[in-house]
Amino acid sequence: MPEDKPTFESALQRVEEIVARLERGDDTLDDSLRMFEQAAQLIAFCRTELDRAEGKLERLVKSQAGDLQTEPMDEPADED
């Protein structure tokens, strides 16, 4: 059965669990390396999800010429 794609929240929670376990230091070096690798993959997934979400946070604005364009949310729109 194929593994379901994690959500951002579940991936972040798993990273936090791995970090806590690694900080305890109770695992073998091999197990610690496997967990570190899993955490790195989950962090990359989270970064991709954040980038995708950021792309959705563009708003549609009307230019002075009347055509529609997107503008990143962190740049204020010209208010006329």
N, C-alpha and C. Protein backbone atom coordinates (compact mmCIF):
# COMPACT_ATOMS: atom_id res chain seq x y z
N MET A 1 0.85 -1.17 0.00
CA MET A 1 0.00 0.00 0.00
C MET A 1 0.90 1.24 0.00
N PRO A 2 0.67 2.21 -0.93
CA PRO A 2 1.51 3.40 -0.97
C PRO A 2 1.28 4.27 0.25
N GLU A 3 2.35 4.90 0.68
CA GLU A 3 2.29 5.76 1.86
C GLU A 3 1.63 7.09 1.48
N ASP A 4 0.69 7.55 2.31
CA ASP A 4 0.02 8.83 2.06
C ASP A 4 1.00 9.97 2.23
N LYS A 5 0.78 11.03 1.44
CA LYS A 5 1.61 12.23 1.56
C LYS A 5 1.27 12.90 2.90
N PRO A 6 2.29 13.24 3.67
CA PRO A 6 2.00 13.87 4.97
C PRO A 6 1.47 15.29 4.79
N THR A 7 0.81 15.78 5.80
CA THR A 7 0.44 17.19 5.80
C THR A 7 1.62 17.97 6.36
N PHE A 8 1.61 19.27 6.16
CA PHE A 8 2.65 20.12 6.73
C PHE A 8 2.70 19.93 8.24
N GLU A 9 1.53 19.93 8.86
CA GLU A 9 1.46 19.83 10.32
C GLU A 9 1.99 18.49 10.83
N SER A 10 1.63 17.40 10.14
CA SER A 10 2.11 16.09 10.60
C SER A 10 3.61 15.95 10.38
N ALA A 11 4.12 16.52 9.28
CA ALA A 11 5.56 16.46 9.03
C ALA A 11 6.32 17.27 10.08
N LEU A 12 5.82 18.45 10.40
CA LEU A 12 6.46 19.28 11.41
C LEU A 12 6.43 18.61 12.78
N GLN A 13 5.32 17.98 13.11
CA GLN A 13 5.21 17.27 14.39
C GLN A 13 6.23 16.13 14.44
N ARG A 14 6.39 15.40 13.33
CA ARG A 14 7.35 14.29 13.31
C ARG A 14 8.77 14.82 13.47
N VAL A 15 9.09 15.94 12.83
CA VAL A 15 10.42 16.54 13.00
C VAL A 15 10.65 16.88 14.47
N GLU A 16 9.66 17.46 15.12
CA GLU A 16 9.80 17.80 16.54
C GLU A 16 10.02 16.56 17.39
N GLU A 17 9.31 15.46 17.07
CA GLU A 17 9.51 14.20 17.80
C GLU A 17 10.93 13.68 17.60
N ILE A 18 11.42 13.75 16.36
CA ILE A 18 12.77 13.27 16.07
C ILE A 18 13.81 14.10 16.82
N VAL A 19 13.64 15.41 16.81
CA VAL A 19 14.59 16.29 17.50
C VAL A 19 14.62 15.96 18.99
N ALA A 20 13.45 15.79 19.58
CA ALA A 20 13.40 15.46 21.01
C ALA A 20 14.10 14.14 21.29
N ARG A 21 13.88 13.17 20.42
CA ARG A 21 14.52 11.86 20.61
C ARG A 21 16.03 11.96 20.43
N LEU A 22 16.47 12.70 19.42
CA LEU A 22 17.91 12.87 19.20
C LEU A 22 18.56 13.61 20.37
N GLU A 23 17.85 14.57 20.93
CA GLU A 23 18.39 15.31 22.07
C GLU A 23 18.57 14.42 23.30
N ARG A 24 17.71 13.42 23.45
CA ARG A 24 17.87 12.48 24.58
C ARG A 24 19.14 11.65 24.42
N GLY A 25 19.50 11.32 23.19
CA GLY A 25 20.74 10.59 22.95
C GLY A 25 20.71 9.13 23.33
N ASP A 26 19.54 8.53 23.41
CA ASP A 26 19.43 7.13 23.83
C ASP A 26 19.59 6.13 22.68
N ASP A 27 19.52 6.60 21.45
CA ASP A 27 19.56 5.69 20.30
C ASP A 27 20.98 5.42 19.83
N THR A 28 21.11 4.36 19.04
CA THR A 28 22.42 4.04 18.47
C THR A 28 22.77 5.09 17.41
N LEU A 29 24.01 5.13 17.03
CA LEU A 29 24.45 6.07 16.00
C LEU A 29 23.71 5.81 14.70
N ASP A 30 23.57 4.52 14.31
CA ASP A 30 22.86 4.20 13.07
C ASP A 30 21.41 4.67 13.12
N ASP A 31 20.74 4.43 14.23
CA ASP A 31 19.35 4.87 14.37
C ASP A 31 19.27 6.40 14.34
N SER A 32 20.20 7.04 15.00
CA SER A 32 20.23 8.51 15.02
C SER A 32 20.43 9.07 13.62
N LEU A 33 21.32 8.46 12.85
CA LEU A 33 21.54 8.91 11.48
C LEU A 33 20.31 8.71 10.61
N ARG A 34 19.62 7.60 10.79
CA ARG A 34 18.38 7.36 10.03
C ARG A 34 17.32 8.40 10.39
N MET A 35 17.19 8.69 11.67
CA MET A 35 16.21 9.69 12.09
C MET A 35 16.59 11.08 11.57
N PHE A 36 17.88 11.38 11.59
CA PHE A 36 18.34 12.67 11.08
C PHE A 36 18.01 12.80 9.60
N GLU A 37 18.23 11.72 8.85
CA GLU A 37 17.92 11.73 7.42
C GLU A 37 16.42 11.91 7.19
N GLN A 38 15.61 11.22 7.99
CA GLN A 38 14.16 11.38 7.87
C GLN A 38 13.75 12.82 8.17
N ALA A 39 14.33 13.39 9.21
CA ALA A 39 14.01 14.78 9.57
C ALA A 39 14.40 15.73 8.45
N ALA A 40 15.56 15.51 7.83
CA ALA A 40 16.00 16.37 6.73
C ALA A 40 15.01 16.30 5.57
N GLN A 41 14.51 15.11 5.26
CA GLN A 41 13.52 14.96 4.19
C GLN A 41 12.21 15.65 4.54
N LEU A 42 11.79 15.52 5.79
CA LEU A 42 10.56 16.16 6.22
C LEU A 42 10.69 17.69 6.21
N ILE A 43 11.86 18.18 6.59
CA ILE A 43 12.09 19.63 6.56
C ILE A 43 12.04 20.15 5.12
N ALA A 44 12.62 19.40 4.19
CA ALA A 44 12.56 19.79 2.77
C ALA A 44 11.11 19.80 2.29
N PHE A 45 10.33 18.81 2.70
CA PHE A 45 8.91 18.78 2.36
C PHE A 45 8.19 20.00 2.92
N CYS A 46 8.46 20.33 4.19
CA CYS A 46 7.83 21.50 4.82
C CYS A 46 8.20 22.79 4.08
N ARG A 47 9.45 22.91 3.69
CA ARG A 47 9.90 24.10 2.96
C ARG A 47 9.16 24.23 1.62
N THR A 48 9.00 23.10 0.94
CA THR A 48 8.27 23.10 -0.32
C THR A 48 6.82 23.53 -0.10
N GLU A 49 6.21 22.99 0.95
CA GLU A 49 4.82 23.36 1.26
C GLU A 49 4.70 24.84 1.61
N LEU A 50 5.66 25.37 2.35
CA LEU A 50 5.64 26.79 2.69
C LEU A 50 5.79 27.65 1.44
N ASP A 51 6.70 27.25 0.54
CA ASP A 51 6.89 27.99 -0.70
C ASP A 51 5.61 27.97 -1.54
N ARG A 52 4.95 26.81 -1.58
CA ARG A 52 3.70 26.69 -2.34
C ARG A 52 2.62 27.59 -1.73
N ALA A 53 2.53 27.59 -0.42
CA ALA A 53 1.54 28.43 0.25
C ALA A 53 1.83 29.91 0.02
N GLU A 54 3.11 30.27 0.05
CA GLU A 54 3.48 31.67 -0.18
C GLU A 54 3.03 32.12 -1.57
N GLY A 55 3.15 31.22 -2.53
CA GLY A 55 2.71 31.55 -3.88
C GLY A 55 1.22 31.83 -3.95
N LYS A 56 0.46 31.18 -3.09
CA LYS A 56 -0.99 31.41 -3.06
C LYS A 56 -1.34 32.72 -2.38
N LEU A 57 -0.40 33.28 -1.64
CA LEU A 57 -0.67 34.51 -0.90
C LEU A 57 -0.41 35.75 -1.74
N GLU A 58 -0.69 35.62 -3.00
CA GLU A 58 -0.62 36.79 -3.86
C GLU A 58 -2.04 37.27 -4.05
N ARG A 59 -2.20 38.53 -4.13
CA ARG A 59 -3.54 39.03 -4.34
C ARG A 59 -3.66 39.65 -5.72
N LEU A 60 -4.83 39.63 -6.20
CA LEU A 60 -5.11 40.18 -7.51
C LEU A 60 -5.38 41.66 -7.36
N VAL A 61 -4.65 42.46 -8.11
CA VAL A 61 -4.85 43.91 -8.04
C VAL A 61 -5.06 44.46 -9.44
N LYS A 62 -5.71 45.55 -9.50
CA LYS A 62 -5.97 46.19 -10.78
C LYS A 62 -4.95 47.30 -10.99
N SER A 63 -4.27 47.26 -12.14
CA SER A 63 -3.30 48.31 -12.44
C SER A 63 -4.04 49.56 -12.89
N GLN A 64 -3.30 50.65 -13.03
CA GLN A 64 -3.91 51.90 -13.47
C GLN A 64 -4.50 51.77 -14.86
N ALA A 65 -3.95 50.89 -15.68
CA ALA A 65 -4.46 50.68 -17.03
C ALA A 65 -5.73 49.82 -17.02
N GLY A 66 -6.06 49.25 -15.88
CA GLY A 66 -7.27 48.46 -15.75
C GLY A 66 -7.08 46.97 -15.90
N ASP A 67 -5.87 46.52 -16.24
CA ASP A 67 -5.67 45.08 -16.35
C ASP A 67 -5.33 44.49 -14.98
N LEU A 68 -5.54 43.20 -14.87
CA LEU A 68 -5.31 42.52 -13.59
C LEU A 68 -3.90 41.96 -13.55
N GLN A 69 -3.31 42.03 -12.38
CA GLN A 69 -1.97 41.48 -12.17
C GLN A 69 -1.88 40.98 -10.74
N THR A 70 -0.90 40.13 -10.48
CA THR A 70 -0.71 39.66 -9.11
C THR A 70 0.36 40.50 -8.45
N GLU A 71 0.24 40.61 -7.14
CA GLU A 71 1.21 41.37 -6.37
C GLU A 71 1.47 40.59 -5.08
N PRO A 72 2.73 40.35 -4.73
CA PRO A 72 3.00 39.64 -3.48
C PRO A 72 2.38 40.36 -2.30
N MET A 73 1.98 39.58 -1.30
CA MET A 73 1.31 40.16 -0.13
C MET A 73 2.21 41.07 0.68
N ASP A 74 3.53 40.88 0.61
CA ASP A 74 4.41 41.71 1.43
C ASP A 74 4.67 43.07 0.83
N GLU A 75 4.20 43.32 -0.38
CA GLU A 75 4.32 44.63 -1.00
C GLU A 75 2.98 45.31 -0.95
N PRO A 76 2.91 46.51 -0.40
CA PRO A 76 1.61 47.20 -0.30
C PRO A 76 1.07 47.56 -1.68
N ALA A 77 -0.22 47.44 -1.85
CA ALA A 77 -0.87 47.81 -3.10
C ALA A 77 -1.00 49.32 -3.15
N ASP A 78 -0.90 49.89 -4.36
CA ASP A 78 -1.14 51.32 -4.52
C ASP A 78 -2.62 51.56 -4.33
N GLU A 79 -2.97 52.45 -3.45
CA GLU A 79 -4.36 52.76 -3.21
C GLU A 79 -4.66 54.11 -3.81
N ASP A 80 -5.55 54.11 -4.80
CA ASP A 80 -5.92 55.35 -5.50
C ASP A 80 -7.29 55.80 -5.09
